[in-house]
C-alpha atoms as a PDB file:
ATOM      1  CA  MET A   1      -1.360   9.472   0.317  1.00  0.00           C
ATOM      2  CA  THR A   2      -4.305   7.341  -0.792  1.00  0.00           C
ATOM      3  CA  ALA A   3      -7.630   7.139  -3.190  1.00  0.00           C
ATOM      4  CA  THR A   4     -10.258   5.785  -1.840  1.00  0.00           C
ATOM      5  CA  LYS A   5     -13.470   4.690  -4.570  1.00  0.00           C
ATOM      6  CA  LEU A   6     -16.783   4.824  -3.428  1.00  0.00           C
ATOM      7  CA  ASP A   7     -19.520   4.148  -5.918  1.00  0.00           C
ATOM      8  CA  LEU A   8     -22.855   5.428  -5.331  1.00  0.00           C
ATOM      9  CA  THR A   9     -24.079   4.628  -8.806  1.00  0.00           C
ATOM     10  CA  GLY A  10     -28.022   4.288  -8.870  1.00  0.00           C
ATOM     11  CA  LEU A  11     -28.702   6.785  -6.095  1.00  0.00           C
ATOM     12  CA  LYS A  12     -30.766   9.883  -6.083  1.00  0.00           C
ATOM     13  CA  CYS A  13     -30.897  12.826  -3.514  1.00  0.00           C
ATOM     14  CA  PRO A  14     -29.680  13.729  -1.129  1.00  0.00           C
ATOM     15  CA  LEU A  15     -27.618  10.021  -0.945  1.00  0.00           C
ATOM     16  CA  PRO A  16     -25.033  10.616  -2.733  1.00  0.00           C
ATOM     17  CA  ALA A  17     -23.657  14.181  -0.769  1.00  0.00           C
ATOM     18  CA  LEU A  18     -24.804  12.349   2.528  1.00  0.00           C
ATOM     19  CA  MET A  19     -22.779   9.670   1.850  1.00  0.00           C
ATOM     20  CA  THR A  20     -20.106  11.411   0.313  1.00  0.00           C
ATOM     21  CA  ARG A  21     -19.519  14.097   3.263  1.00  0.00           C
ATOM     22  CA  LYS A  22     -19.563  10.624   6.064  1.00  0.00           C
ATOM     23  CA  ALA A  23     -16.937   8.909   3.732  1.00  0.00           C
ATOM     24  CA  LEU A  24     -14.400  12.449   4.012  1.00  0.00           C
ATOM     25  CA  ARG A  25     -15.602  12.487   7.972  1.00  0.00           C
ATOM     26  CA  THR A  26     -13.276   9.523   7.836  1.00  0.00           C
ATOM     27  CA  LEU A  27     -10.223  10.504   5.638  1.00  0.00           C
ATOM     28  CA  PRO A  28      -7.121  11.857   7.048  1.00  0.00           C
ATOM     29  CA  VAL A  29      -5.491  15.271   6.157  1.00  0.00           C
ATOM     30  CA  GLY A  30      -3.942  14.626   2.309  1.00  0.00           C
ATOM     31  CA  ASP A  31      -6.268  10.836   1.592  1.00  0.00           C
ATOM     32  CA  ARG A  32      -8.675  11.822  -2.180  1.00  0.00           C
ATOM     33  CA  ILE A  33     -11.540   9.413  -3.268  1.00  0.00           C
ATOM     34  CA  GLU A  34     -12.764   9.067  -5.990  1.00  0.00           C
ATOM     35  CA  VAL A  35     -16.935   9.349  -5.850  1.00  0.00           C
ATOM     36  CA  HIS A  36     -19.144   7.346  -8.751  1.00  0.00           C
ATOM     37  CA  CYS A  37     -22.327   9.190  -9.302  1.00  0.00           C
ATOM     38  CA  THR A  38     -25.173   8.363 -12.020  1.00  0.00           C
ATOM     39  CA  ASP A  39     -27.195  11.280 -10.142  1.00  0.00           C
ATOM     40  CA  PRO A  40     -27.153  14.366 -11.737  1.00  0.00           C
ATOM     41  CA  MET A  41     -27.989  16.836  -8.897  1.00  0.00           C
ATOM     42  CA  ALA A  42     -24.627  15.486  -7.784  1.00  0.00           C
ATOM     43  CA  VAL A  43     -22.599  18.272 -10.077  1.00  0.00           C
ATOM     44  CA  ILE A  44     -24.816  20.876  -7.663  1.00  0.00           C
ATOM     45  CA  ASP A  45     -24.614  19.381  -4.374  1.00  0.00           C
ATOM     46  CA  ILE A  46     -21.336  17.093  -4.057  1.00  0.00           C
ATOM     47  CA  PRO A  47     -19.477  20.433  -5.040  1.00  0.00           C
ATOM     48  CA  VAL A  48     -21.447  22.542  -2.591  1.00  0.00           C
ATOM     49  CA  LEU A  49     -20.301  19.508   0.461  1.00  0.00           C
ATOM     50  CA  VAL A  50     -16.782  19.991  -0.475  1.00  0.00           C
ATOM     51  CA  GLN A  51     -16.778  24.004  -0.550  1.00  0.00           C
ATOM     52  CA  GLN A  52     -18.742  23.668   2.334  1.00  0.00           C
ATOM     53  CA  ALA A  53     -16.779  21.579   4.385  1.00  0.00           C
ATOM     54  CA  GLY A  54     -13.429  23.501   3.102  1.00  0.00           C
ATOM     55  CA  ASP A  55     -11.757  20.259   0.753  1.00  0.00           C
ATOM     56  CA  ARG A  56     -11.109  20.850  -2.938  1.00  0.00           C
ATOM     57  CA  ILE A  57     -12.572  18.606  -5.530  1.00  0.00           C
ATOM     58  CA  ASP A  58      -9.239  18.650  -7.973  1.00  0.00           C
ATOM     59  CA  SER A  59     -11.535  16.939 -10.992  1.00  0.00           C
ATOM     60  CA  THR A  60     -15.002  16.248 -12.128  1.00  0.00           C
ATOM     61  CA  GLU A  61     -15.962  13.737 -15.097  1.00  0.00           C
ATOM     62  CA  ARG A  62     -18.669  12.240 -17.347  1.00  0.00           C
ATOM     63  CA  ARG A  63     -18.065   8.559 -18.763  1.00  0.00           C
ATOM     64  CA  ASP A  64     -20.983   8.700 -20.778  1.00  0.00           C
ATOM     65  CA  GLU A  65     -24.295   8.860 -17.376  1.00  0.00           C
ATOM     66  CA  VAL A  66     -21.548   8.013 -14.641  1.00  0.00           C
ATOM     67  CA  ILE A  67     -20.289  11.518 -13.107  1.00  0.00           C
ATOM     68  CA  ILE A  68     -16.982  11.410 -11.361  1.00  0.00           C
ATOM     69  CA  PHE A  69     -15.786  13.666  -8.887  1.00  0.00           C
ATOM     70  CA  MET A  70     -11.760  13.330  -7.814  1.00  0.00           C
ATOM     71  CA  ILE A  71     -11.773  14.632  -3.873  1.00  0.00           C
ATOM     72  CA  GLU A  72      -9.171  15.594  -1.724  1.00  0.00           C
ATOM     73  CA  LYS A  73      -9.642  15.716   2.317  1.00  0.00           C
ATOM     74  CA  MET A  74      -7.803  18.948   2.982  1.00  0.00           C
ATOM     75  CA  ASN A  75     -10.158  19.946   6.988  1.00  0.00           C
ATOM     76  CA  ALA A  76      -9.017  18.499   9.349  1.00  0.00           C
ATOM     77  CA  ALA A  77     -11.629  20.272  11.424  1.00  0.00           C
ATOM     78  CA  ILE A  78     -14.058  17.509  10.323  1.00  0.00           C
ATOM     79  CA  ALA A  79     -11.932  14.846  10.062  1.00  0.00           C
ATOM     80  CA  ASN A  80     -13.648  11.970  12.663  1.00  0.00           C
ATOM     81  CA  ASP A  81     -15.467  14.436  14.058  1.00  0.00           C
ATOM     82  CA  ASP A  82     -18.966  11.010  14.802  1.00  0.00           C
END
């Protein structure tokens, strides 16, 4: 299991959710992605995206204005479907 860091700080809705979805599609099941965002809407958009994709948020934390999601790829059905 590996972890990839995705720095989406400074981007506004809907880009953080769209780029997170794109990154998740490239991951094999069991890998994790650490997503860093500053858009306040990300606390709503990214959890909804992850739930709809069948993946899992392991943790969410805030460091000053940065929101950090640790997401685990769980659903092979949408992996690499681009």
